C-alpha atoms as a PDB file:
ATOM      1  CA  MET A   1       0.256   0.082   0.276  1.00  0.00           C
ATOM      2  CA  GLY A   2       1.131   3.399  -0.808  1.00  0.00           C
ATOM      3  CA  HIS A   3       1.433   5.954   2.287  1.00  0.00           C
ATOM      4  CA  LYS A   4      -0.341   9.092   1.685  1.00  0.00           C
ATOM      5  CA  LYS A   5       1.473  12.430   0.565  1.00  0.00           C
ATOM      6  CA  GLN A   6       1.976  14.609   3.161  1.00  0.00           C
ATOM      7  CA  LYS A   7       1.049  18.687   2.635  1.00  0.00           C
ATOM      8  CA  ASN A   8       3.845  20.927   2.807  1.00  0.00           C
ATOM      9  CA  ASN A   9       2.746  23.530   4.510  1.00  0.00           C
ATOM     10  CA  LYS A  10       5.954  25.375   4.476  1.00  0.00           C
ATOM     11  CA  GLY A  11       4.994  28.883   4.060  1.00  0.00           C
ATOM     12  CA  SER A  12       1.646  29.076   4.070  1.00  0.00           C
ATOM     13  CA  ILE A  13      -0.865  30.269   6.757  1.00  0.00           C
ATOM     14  CA  ASP A  14      -2.852  28.126   8.461  1.00  0.00           C
ATOM     15  CA  GLU A  15      -6.502  28.360   8.829  1.00  0.00           C
ATOM     16  CA  ASN A  16      -6.243  30.092  12.879  1.00  0.00           C
ATOM     17  CA  THR A  17      -3.896  32.314  11.310  1.00  0.00           C
ATOM     18  CA  SER A  18      -6.052  33.858   8.934  1.00  0.00           C
ATOM     19  CA  ASN A  19      -8.742  34.054  11.245  1.00  0.00           C
ATOM     20  CA  GLN A  20      -6.248  36.307  13.885  1.00  0.00           C
ATOM     21  CA  ILE A  21      -5.248  38.248  10.962  1.00  0.00           C
ATOM     22  CA  VAL A  22      -9.045  38.911   9.269  1.00  0.00           C
ATOM     23  CA  THR A  23      -9.642  39.799  13.195  1.00  0.00           C
ATOM     24  CA  SER A  24      -6.712  42.349  13.635  1.00  0.00           C
ATOM     25  CA  ILE A  25      -7.705  44.274  10.640  1.00  0.00           C
ATOM     26  CA  LEU A  26     -11.463  44.253  11.290  1.00  0.00           C
ATOM     27  CA  GLN A  27     -10.390  45.387  14.953  1.00  0.00           C
ATOM     28  CA  THR A  28      -8.371  48.327  13.469  1.00  0.00           C
ATOM     29  CA  GLU A  29     -10.919  48.845  10.965  1.00  0.00           C
ATOM     30  CA  LEU A  30     -13.121  49.623  14.179  1.00  0.00           C
ATOM     31  CA  GLU A  31     -11.215  51.416  16.741  1.00  0.00           C
ATOM     32  CA  GLN A  32     -10.360  53.995  13.681  1.00  0.00           C
ATOM     33  CA  GLU A  33     -14.332  54.702  13.040  1.00  0.00           C
ATOM     34  CA  VAL A  34     -15.038  55.117  16.832  1.00  0.00           C
ATOM     35  CA  HIS A  35     -11.588  57.422  16.908  1.00  0.00           C
ATOM     36  CA  LYS A  36     -14.079  58.712  13.784  1.00  0.00           C
ATOM     37  CA  TYR A  37     -16.900  59.584  15.479  1.00  0.00           C
ATOM     38  CA  ASN A  38     -18.037  60.584  19.160  1.00  0.00           C
ATOM     39  CA  LYS A  39     -21.349  58.958  21.059  1.00  0.00           C
ATOM     40  CA  GLN A  40     -23.411  61.382  19.194  1.00  0.00           C
ATOM     41  CA  GLY A  41     -22.916  59.987  15.816  1.00  0.00           C
ATOM     42  CA  LYS A  42     -20.608  63.300  14.613  1.00  0.00           C
ATOM     43  CA  LEU A  43     -17.042  63.348  13.840  1.00  0.00           C
ATOM     44  CA  SER A  44     -14.813  63.482  16.881  1.00  0.00           C
ATOM     45  CA  ASN A  45     -12.650  66.343  17.874  1.00  0.00           C
ATOM     46  CA  SER A  46      -9.552  64.311  17.542  1.00  0.00           C
ATOM     47  CA  TYR A  47     -10.195  62.988  14.226  1.00  0.00           C
ATOM     48  CA  TYR A  48     -11.204  66.960  13.385  1.00  0.00           C
ATOM     49  CA  GLU A  49      -8.529  68.385  14.336  1.00  0.00           C
ATOM     50  CA  GLU A  50      -6.000  65.926  12.847  1.00  0.00           C
ATOM     51  CA  SER A  51      -8.042  66.380   9.507  1.00  0.00           C
ATOM     52  CA  LEU A  52      -7.970  69.714   9.360  1.00  0.00           C
ATOM     53  CA  CYS A  53      -4.070  70.277  10.406  1.00  0.00           C
ATOM     54  CA  LYS A  54      -3.677  67.871   7.217  1.00  0.00           C
ATOM     55  CA  LEU A  55      -5.292  69.876   4.769  1.00  0.00           C
ATOM     56  CA  GLN A  56      -4.386  72.913   6.455  1.00  0.00           C
ATOM     57  CA  GLU A  57      -0.584  72.292   5.581  1.00  0.00           C
ATOM     58  CA  ASP A  58      -2.065  71.632   2.115  1.00  0.00           C
ATOM     59  CA  LEU A  59      -3.682  75.141   1.967  1.00  0.00           C
ATOM     60  CA  VAL A  60      -0.056  76.353   2.476  1.00  0.00           C
ATOM     61  CA  ILE A  61       1.422  74.422  -0.254  1.00  0.00           C
ATOM     62  CA  TRP A  62      -1.191  75.330  -2.271  1.00  0.00           C
ATOM     63  CA  GLN A  63      -0.633  79.258  -1.390  1.00  0.00           C
ATOM     64  CA  TYR A  64       2.896  78.815  -2.537  1.00  0.00           C
ATOM     65  CA  TRP A  65       2.479  77.348  -5.820  1.00  0.00           C
ATOM     66  CA  VAL A  66      -0.383  80.623  -6.622  1.00  0.00           C
ATOM     67  CA  LYS A  67       2.179  82.878  -5.628  1.00  0.00           C
ATOM     68  CA  GLN A  68       5.045  81.030  -7.976  1.00  0.00           C
ATOM     69  CA  LYS A  69       2.489  80.770 -11.131  1.00  0.00           C
ATOM     70  CA  GLY A  70       1.125  84.255 -10.377  1.00  0.00           C
ATOM     71  CA  LEU A  71      -2.484  82.760 -10.145  1.00  0.00           C
ATOM     72  CA  ARG A  72      -4.999  85.275  -9.629  1.00  0.00           C
ATOM     73  CA  VAL A  73      -8.139  83.445  -7.306  1.00  0.00           C
ATOM     74  CA  VAL A  74     -11.614  84.230  -5.892  1.00  0.00           C
ATOM     75  CA  LEU A  75     -13.501  82.385  -3.351  1.00  0.00           C
ATOM     76  CA  MET A  76     -16.946  82.995  -2.901  1.00  0.00           C
ATOM     77  CA  PHE A  77     -19.187  82.160   0.176  1.00  0.00           C
ATOM     78  CA  GLU A  78     -22.783  82.593   0.510  1.00  0.00           C
ATOM     79  CA  GLY A  79     -25.400  80.729   2.136  1.00  0.00           C
ATOM     80  CA  ARG A  80     -27.953  81.803   4.912  1.00  0.00           C
ATOM     81  CA  ASP A  81     -27.301  83.229   8.687  1.00  0.00           C
ATOM     82  CA  ALA A  82     -25.397  80.954  10.368  1.00  0.00           C
ATOM     83  CA  ALA A  83     -24.674  78.588   7.965  1.00  0.00           C
ATOM     84  CA  GLY A  84     -21.348  78.012   9.101  1.00  0.00           C
ATOM     85  CA  LYS A  85     -19.537  80.569   6.560  1.00  0.00           C
ATOM     86  CA  GLY A  86     -17.804  82.642   8.970  1.00  0.00           C
ATOM     87  CA  GLY A  87     -16.165  79.473  10.313  1.00  0.00           C
ATOM     88  CA  LEU A  88     -14.631  78.010   7.275  1.00  0.00           C
ATOM     89  CA  ILE A  89     -13.250  80.805   6.157  1.00  0.00           C
ATOM     90  CA  LYS A  90     -10.833  81.200   9.446  1.00  0.00           C
ATOM     91  CA  ARG A  91      -9.998  77.729   8.892  1.00  0.00           C
ATOM     92  CA  ILE A  92      -9.127  78.016   5.616  1.00  0.00           C
ATOM     93  CA  THR A  93      -6.977  81.624   6.549  1.00  0.00           C
ATOM     94  CA  GLU A  94      -5.738  80.430   9.497  1.00  0.00           C
ATOM     95  CA  PRO A  95      -2.551  78.672   8.396  1.00  0.00           C
ATOM     96  CA  LEU A  96      -2.194  81.018   5.180  1.00  0.00           C
ATOM     97  CA  ASN A  97       0.145  83.906   4.496  1.00  0.00           C
ATOM     98  CA  PRO A  98      -1.696  87.457   4.817  1.00  0.00           C
ATOM     99  CA  ARG A  99       0.619  89.064   2.613  1.00  0.00           C
ATOM    100  CA  GLY A 100      -0.838  87.041  -0.380  1.00  0.00           C
ATOM    101  CA  LEU A 101      -4.947  86.825   0.804  1.00  0.00           C
ATOM    102  CA  ARG A 102      -7.672  89.062   1.383  1.00  0.00           C
ATOM    103  CA  VAL A 103     -10.835  88.592   2.915  1.00  0.00           C
ATOM    104  CA  VAL A 104     -13.528  90.930   1.731  1.00  0.00           C
ATOM    105  CA  ALA A 105     -16.316  91.611   3.882  1.00  0.00           C
ATOM    106  CA  LEU A 106     -17.894  95.059   2.606  1.00  0.00           C
ATOM    107  CA  GLU A 107     -20.424  96.889   4.399  1.00  0.00           C
ATOM    108  CA  LYS A 108     -23.299  98.255   2.904  1.00  0.00           C
ATOM    109  CA  PRO A 109     -23.182 100.436   0.009  1.00  0.00           C
ATOM    110  CA  SER A 110     -22.172 104.200   0.836  1.00  0.00           C
ATOM    111  CA  ASP A 111     -24.366 107.379  -0.353  1.00  0.00           C
ATOM    112  CA  LYS A 112     -21.699 107.519  -3.355  1.00  0.00           C
ATOM    113  CA  GLU A 113     -21.748 103.564  -4.258  1.00  0.00           C
ATOM    114  CA  SER A 114     -24.969 103.534  -4.632  1.00  0.00           C
ATOM    115  CA  THR A 115     -24.974 105.556  -7.754  1.00  0.00           C
ATOM    116  CA  GLN A 116     -22.183 103.609  -9.312  1.00  0.00           C
ATOM    117  CA  TRP A 117     -22.718 100.673 -11.592  1.00  0.00           C
ATOM    118  CA  TYR A 118     -23.837  98.102  -8.993  1.00  0.00           C
ATOM    119  CA  PHE A 119     -20.567  95.343  -9.487  1.00  0.00           C
ATOM    120  CA  GLN A 120     -18.215  98.195  -9.219  1.00  0.00           C
ATOM    121  CA  ARG A 121     -17.433  98.091  -5.937  1.00  0.00           C
ATOM    122  CA  TYR A 122     -16.392  94.168  -5.884  1.00  0.00           C
ATOM    123  CA  ILE A 123     -14.293  94.696  -9.177  1.00  0.00           C
ATOM    124  CA  SER A 124     -12.084  96.838  -7.562  1.00  0.00           C
ATOM    125  CA  GLN A 125     -11.262  93.550  -4.879  1.00  0.00           C
ATOM    126  CA  LEU A 126     -10.560  91.469  -7.899  1.00  0.00           C
ATOM    127  CA  PRO A 127      -6.644  89.911  -7.011  1.00  0.00           C
ATOM    128  CA  SER A 128      -3.590  90.797  -8.602  1.00  0.00           C
ATOM    129  CA  ALA A 129      -1.135  87.817  -9.659  1.00  0.00           C
ATOM    130  CA  GLY A 130      -0.299  85.375  -6.692  1.00  0.00           C
ATOM    131  CA  GLU A 131      -3.429  86.883  -4.658  1.00  0.00           C
ATOM    132  CA  ILE A 132      -6.043  84.975  -2.889  1.00  0.00           C
ATOM    133  CA  VAL A 133      -9.577  87.103  -2.662  1.00  0.00           C
ATOM    134  CA  ILE A 134     -12.181  85.270  -0.175  1.00  0.00           C
ATOM    135  CA  PHE A 135     -15.141  87.250  -0.591  1.00  0.00           C
ATOM    136  CA  ASP A 136     -17.253  86.800   2.515  1.00  0.00           C
ATOM    137  CA  ARG A 137     -20.819  87.749   1.240  1.00  0.00           C
ATOM    138  CA  SER A 138     -20.511  89.402  -2.685  1.00  0.00           C
ATOM    139  CA  TRP A 139     -22.058  90.702  -5.407  1.00  0.00           C
ATOM    140  CA  TYR A 140     -24.741  88.077  -4.802  1.00  0.00           C
ATOM    141  CA  ASN A 141     -26.393  89.982  -2.278  1.00  0.00           C
ATOM    142  CA  ARG A 142     -28.433  91.217  -4.910  1.00  0.00           C
ATOM    143  CA  ALA A 143     -29.644  88.047  -5.547  1.00  0.00           C
ATOM    144  CA  GLY A 144     -30.593  87.036  -2.040  1.00  0.00           C
ATOM    145  CA  VAL A 145     -31.039  89.792   0.994  1.00  0.00           C
ATOM    146  CA  GLU A 146     -31.807  92.727  -1.457  1.00  0.00           C
ATOM    147  CA  ARG A 147     -34.553  90.576  -3.421  1.00  0.00           C
ATOM    148  CA  VAL A 148     -35.804  89.843  -0.612  1.00  0.00           C
ATOM    149  CA  MET A 149     -35.983  92.849   1.507  1.00  0.00           C
ATOM    150  CA  GLY A 150     -36.699  94.676  -1.243  1.00  0.00           C
ATOM    151  CA  PHE A 151     -33.406  96.789  -0.812  1.00  0.00           C
ATOM    152  CA  CYS A 152     -33.819  96.403  -4.915  1.00  0.00           C
ATOM    153  CA  ASN A 153     -36.364  97.037  -7.298  1.00  0.00           C
ATOM    154  CA  ASN A 154     -37.586  94.275  -9.826  1.00  0.00           C
ATOM    155  CA  GLU A 155     -35.466  96.191 -12.872  1.00  0.00           C
ATOM    156  CA  GLU A 156     -32.341  96.080 -10.567  1.00  0.00           C
ATOM    157  CA  TYR A 157     -32.917  92.419  -9.834  1.00  0.00           C
ATOM    158  CA  GLU A 158     -33.527  91.318 -13.466  1.00  0.00           C
ATOM    159  CA  GLU A 159     -30.797  93.074 -14.751  1.00  0.00           C
ATOM    160  CA  PHE A 160     -28.438  91.088 -12.584  1.00  0.00           C
ATOM    161  CA  LEU A 161     -29.244  88.185 -13.171  1.00  0.00           C
ATOM    162  CA  ARG A 162     -28.791  88.969 -16.889  1.00  0.00           C
ATOM    163  CA  SER A 163     -25.578  90.399 -15.832  1.00  0.00           C
ATOM    164  CA  CYS A 164     -24.041  87.919 -13.485  1.00  0.00           C
ATOM    165  CA  PRO A 165     -23.446  84.932 -15.789  1.00  0.00           C
ATOM    166  CA  GLU A 166     -21.611  86.962 -18.374  1.00  0.00           C
ATOM    167  CA  LEU A 167     -19.463  89.307 -16.038  1.00  0.00           C
ATOM    168  CA  GLU A 168     -18.035  85.927 -14.540  1.00  0.00           C
ATOM    169  CA  ARG A 169     -17.879  84.193 -17.517  1.00  0.00           C
ATOM    170  CA  MET A 170     -15.507  87.696 -18.538  1.00  0.00           C
ATOM    171  CA  LEU A 171     -13.935  87.008 -15.312  1.00  0.00           C
ATOM    172  CA  VAL A 172     -12.821  83.736 -16.124  1.00  0.00           C
ATOM    173  CA  ARG A 173     -12.123  84.049 -19.379  1.00  0.00           C
ATOM    174  CA  SER A 174      -9.505  86.461 -18.313  1.00  0.00           C
ATOM    175  CA  GLY A 175      -7.540  84.043 -16.296  1.00  0.00           C
ATOM    176  CA  ILE A 176      -9.077  84.826 -12.733  1.00  0.00           C
ATOM    177  CA  TYR A 177     -10.291  81.172 -10.979  1.00  0.00           C
ATOM    178  CA  LEU A 178     -13.693  82.192  -9.375  1.00  0.00           C
ATOM    179  CA  ILE A 179     -14.604  79.755  -6.791  1.00  0.00           C
ATOM    180  CA  LYS A 180     -18.234  79.910  -4.964  1.00  0.00           C
ATOM    181  CA  TYR A 181     -19.559  77.767  -2.809  1.00  0.00           C
ATOM    182  CA  TRP A 182     -23.112  77.988  -1.232  1.00  0.00           C
ATOM    183  CA  ILE A 183     -22.939  77.435   2.481  1.00  0.00           C
ATOM    184  CA  SER A 184     -26.493  75.069   3.047  1.00  0.00           C
ATOM    185  CA  VAL A 185     -27.969  74.262   6.542  1.00  0.00           C
ATOM    186  CA  ASN A 186     -31.600  72.796   7.596  1.00  0.00           C
ATOM    187  CA  ASP A 187     -34.186  75.368   9.190  1.00  0.00           C
ATOM    188  CA  GLU A 188     -33.853  73.236  12.401  1.00  0.00           C
ATOM    189  CA  GLU A 189     -29.984  73.395  12.576  1.00  0.00           C
ATOM    190  CA  GLN A 190     -30.344  77.166  11.583  1.00  0.00           C
ATOM    191  CA  GLU A 191     -32.792  77.816  14.361  1.00  0.00           C
ATOM    192  CA  ARG A 192     -30.695  75.798  17.419  1.00  0.00           C
ATOM    193  CA  ARG A 193     -27.871  77.908  16.008  1.00  0.00           C
ATOM    194  CA  LEU A 194     -29.216  81.644  16.160  1.00  0.00           C
ATOM    195  CA  LYS A 195     -30.945  80.558  19.230  1.00  0.00           C
ATOM    196  CA  ASP A 196     -27.279  79.759  20.566  1.00  0.00           C
ATOM    197  CA  ARG A 197     -26.144  82.843  19.318  1.00  0.00           C
ATOM    198  CA  ALA A 198     -29.258  84.518  21.309  1.00  0.00           C
ATOM    199  CA  SER A 199     -27.955  83.427  24.169  1.00  0.00           C
ATOM    200  CA  HIS A 200     -24.465  83.860  24.540  1.00  0.00           C
ATOM    201  CA  PRO A 201     -23.050  87.185  24.998  1.00  0.00           C
ATOM    202  CA  GLU A 202     -19.784  86.281  23.242  1.00  0.00           C
ATOM    203  CA  LYS A 203     -21.632  85.377  20.002  1.00  0.00           C
ATOM    204  CA  ARG A 204     -24.253  88.253  20.115  1.00  0.00           C
ATOM    205  CA  TRP A 205     -22.429  90.628  17.994  1.00  0.00           C
ATOM    206  CA  LYS A 206     -23.178  88.078  15.022  1.00  0.00           C
ATOM    207  CA  LEU A 207     -26.687  88.481  15.152  1.00  0.00           C
ATOM    208  CA  SER A 208     -28.460  92.133  14.125  1.00  0.00           C
ATOM    209  CA  GLU A 209     -32.581  93.267  13.306  1.00  0.00           C
ATOM    210  CA  MET A 210     -31.852  92.090   9.942  1.00  0.00           C
ATOM    211  CA  ASP A 211     -31.431  88.492  10.684  1.00  0.00           C
ATOM    212  CA  LEU A 212     -34.774  88.403  12.543  1.00  0.00           C
ATOM    213  CA  LYS A 213     -36.246  89.595   9.890  1.00  0.00           C
ATOM    214  CA  SER A 214     -34.403  87.652   7.725  1.00  0.00           C
ATOM    215  CA  TRP A 215     -35.693  84.172   9.890  1.00  0.00           C
ATOM    216  CA  ASP A 216     -39.055  85.022   9.269  1.00  0.00           C
ATOM    217  CA  LYS A 217     -38.462  85.259   5.800  1.00  0.00           C
ATOM    218  CA  TRP A 218     -37.416  81.774   5.373  1.00  0.00           C
ATOM    219  CA  GLU A 219     -39.161  80.297   2.306  1.00  0.00           C
ATOM    220  CA  GLU A 220     -38.819  83.979   0.542  1.00  0.00           C
ATOM    221  CA  TYR A 221     -35.199  83.678   0.410  1.00  0.00           C
ATOM    222  CA  SER A 222     -35.313  79.829  -0.345  1.00  0.00           C
ATOM    223  CA  ARG A 223     -37.157  81.171  -3.513  1.00  0.00           C
ATOM    224  CA  ALA A 224     -34.813  83.711  -4.244  1.00  0.00           C
ATOM    225  CA  LYS A 225     -31.922  80.598  -3.697  1.00  0.00           C
ATOM    226  CA  ASP A 226     -33.189  78.566  -6.212  1.00  0.00           C
ATOM    227  CA  MET A 227     -33.966  81.276  -9.122  1.00  0.00           C
ATOM    228  CA  MET A 228     -30.397  82.533  -8.356  1.00  0.00           C
ATOM    229  CA  MET A 229     -29.270  78.694  -9.045  1.00  0.00           C
ATOM    230  CA  LYS A 230     -30.987  78.660 -12.280  1.00  0.00           C
ATOM    231  CA  TYR A 231     -29.090  81.736 -13.806  1.00  0.00           C
ATOM    232  CA  THR A 232     -26.020  81.659 -11.945  1.00  0.00           C
ATOM    233  CA  ASP A 233     -25.245  77.993 -11.842  1.00  0.00           C
ATOM    234  CA  THR A 234     -23.383  78.026 -15.304  1.00  0.00           C
ATOM    235  CA  LYS A 235     -20.781  75.477 -16.892  1.00  0.00           C
ATOM    236  CA  GLN A 236     -18.101  78.266 -16.640  1.00  0.00           C
ATOM    237  CA  CYS A 237     -18.877  79.388 -13.203  1.00  0.00           C
ATOM    238  CA  PRO A 238     -20.906  76.349 -10.892  1.00  0.00           C
ATOM    239  CA  TRP A 239     -22.442  76.543  -7.773  1.00  0.00           C
ATOM    240  CA  TYR A 240     -20.579  74.133  -5.410  1.00  0.00           C
ATOM    241  CA  ASN A 241     -22.940  73.650  -2.841  1.00  0.00           C
ATOM    242  CA  VAL A 242     -21.728  72.210   0.875  1.00  0.00           C
ATOM    243  CA  ASN A 243     -23.892  70.633   3.535  1.00  0.00           C
ATOM    244  CA  SER A 244     -23.286  71.941   6.574  1.00  0.00           C
ATOM    245  CA  ASP A 245     -25.471  70.779   8.811  1.00  0.00           C
ATOM    246  CA  ASP A 246     -22.186  69.252  10.890  1.00  0.00           C
ATOM    247  CA  LYS A 247     -19.812  72.294  10.823  1.00  0.00           C
ATOM    248  CA  LYS A 248     -16.842  70.314  10.890  1.00  0.00           C
ATOM    249  CA  LYS A 249     -17.501  68.173   8.254  1.00  0.00           C
ATOM    250  CA  ALA A 250     -18.405  70.547   6.262  1.00  0.00           C
ATOM    251  CA  ARG A 251     -14.883  72.934   6.845  1.00  0.00           C
ATOM    252  CA  LEU A 252     -13.286  69.605   5.917  1.00  0.00           C
ATOM    253  CA  ASN A 253     -15.223  68.816   2.821  1.00  0.00           C
ATOM    254  CA  ALA A 254     -15.095  72.104   1.647  1.00  0.00           C
ATOM    255  CA  ILE A 255     -11.678  72.225   1.784  1.00  0.00           C
ATOM    256  CA  ALA A 256     -10.676  69.185   0.266  1.00  0.00           C
ATOM    257  CA  HIS A 257     -12.952  69.924  -2.285  1.00  0.00           C
ATOM    258  CA  LEU A 258     -11.028  73.243  -2.584  1.00  0.00           C
ATOM    259  CA  LEU A 259      -7.723  71.363  -3.127  1.00  0.00           C
ATOM    260  CA  SER A 260      -8.849  69.389  -5.776  1.00  0.00           C
ATOM    261  CA  LEU A 261      -9.487  71.820  -7.857  1.00  0.00           C
ATOM    262  CA  PHE A 262      -5.970  72.542  -8.611  1.00  0.00           C
ATOM    263  CA  GLN A 263      -3.190  70.367  -9.761  1.00  0.00           C
ATOM    264  CA  TYR A 264      -0.455  72.150  -7.378  1.00  0.00           C
ATOM    265  CA  GLU A 265       2.916  71.287  -6.834  1.00  0.00           C
ATOM    266  CA  ASN A 266       4.896  71.534  -3.528  1.00  0.00           C
ATOM    267  CA  VAL A 267       7.478  74.319  -4.154  1.00  0.00           C
ATOM    268  CA  ILE A 268       7.948  75.759  -0.861  1.00  0.00           C
ATOM    269  CA  PRO A 269      11.539  76.506  -0.235  1.00  0.00           C
ATOM    270  CA  GLN A 270      14.203  74.675   1.695  1.00  0.00           C
ATOM    271  CA  PRO A 271      14.479  75.705   5.329  1.00  0.00           C
ATOM    272  CA  PHE A 272      16.891  78.750   6.206  1.00  0.00           C
ATOM    273  CA  VAL A 273      19.811  78.560   7.811  1.00  0.00           C
ATOM    274  CA  PHE A 274      20.833  80.894  10.413  1.00  0.00           C
ATOM    275  CA  PRO A 275      24.246  81.617  10.545  1.00  0.00           C
ATOM    276  CA  PRO A 276      25.492  82.264  14.703  1.00  0.00           C
ATOM    277  CA  ARG A 277      24.497  85.845  15.829  1.00  0.00           C
ATOM    278  CA  LYS A 278      26.978  88.328  15.202  1.00  0.00           C
ATOM    279  CA  THR A 279      27.920  89.975  19.008  1.00  0.00           C
ATOM    280  CA  HIS A 280      29.434  93.528  19.461  1.00  0.00           C
ATOM    281  CA  GLU A 281      31.188  93.569  22.819  1.00  0.00           C
ATOM    282  CA  ASN A 282      30.826  97.135  23.227  1.00  0.00           C
ATOM    283  CA  TYR A 283      27.375  97.455  23.171  1.00  0.00           C
ATOM    284  CA  VAL A 284      25.370  97.180  26.439  1.00  0.00           C
ATOM    285  CA  ARG A 285      21.418  96.711  27.150  1.00  0.00           C
ATOM    286  CA  PRO A 286      19.722  98.555  29.406  1.00  0.00           C
ATOM    287  CA  PRO A 287      19.094  97.241  33.178  1.00  0.00           C
ATOM    288  CA  VAL A 288      16.277  95.488  33.292  1.00  0.00           C
ATOM    289  CA  ASP A 289      14.881  97.228  35.702  1.00  0.00           C
ATOM    290  CA  GLU A 290      14.060 100.225  33.993  1.00  0.00           C
ATOM    291  CA  ILE A 291      11.979  98.765  31.092  1.00  0.00           C
ATOM    292  CA  THR A 292       8.186  98.927  32.051  1.00  0.00           C
ATOM    293  CA  TRP A 293       7.096  95.301  31.475  1.00  0.00           C
ATOM    294  CA  VAL A 294       3.479  93.947  31.035  1.00  0.00           C
ATOM    295  CA  PRO A 295       2.386  92.658  34.981  1.00  0.00           C
ATOM    296  CA  GLU A 296       2.526  88.972  34.695  1.00  0.00           C
ATOM    297  CA  ILE A 297      -0.487  88.002  36.028  1.00  0.00           C
ATOM    298  CA  TYR A 298      -0.888  84.359  34.359  1.00  0.00           C
END
């Protein structure tokens, strides 16, 4: 009788080891999910801060590249009150060089500006080569608050809807990168945020009587937004909608999307090498007790 041939298990993985590997992988994925979300099902602070840090590092690389290439970039942020525009803009600008970045948040038109071409005061804010300009509210005021609250007449409103797409096409043809974001929030979450602002003195400056009037016209704003999108969401200059019911997710998603629109490269210069500091024997610093210091109370 012949002998059964022994299986050669050398170099193979037995079933127990395979199960252990699968279990380890699943456990790692589970730990990552636990790390990613908190008990309320929202992004955890640790995961959010870690992801934001990486994105902000990429924003710095992007800005260096924009400057080197001499690009002109315009970012527009529109949306309902308390949608999260300010928080998103803050996270974008935090790590960037202010010498190549401007945030434009214009007040209501002056008496002189009211006599000018509607777009004139915005056009003067457009970027030069290597510069990024962020509009916190923009010429779309006419399609939103001005339309709903009656600050413009029907003729002015209709002229805006005709002129705006043509103007934006012209800017894009001139080489400007014009990127528009609509920050969206549902009515329940917006109401919660508005009430939170009203109840906290340190946040109350964000509110105005206009916010109260606007809240009462929620559906009118919805119709105005729909009409705005119909006329100005063009192939050359589309609107990108950001779901901001969760502010942290909205910030990460918007920044990641912005970066994805550019084929940028890392052109950050190499670290500077500082030579030893020169000293002069004949220089004597004034006595410390003769200097007026800020009291160290912390």
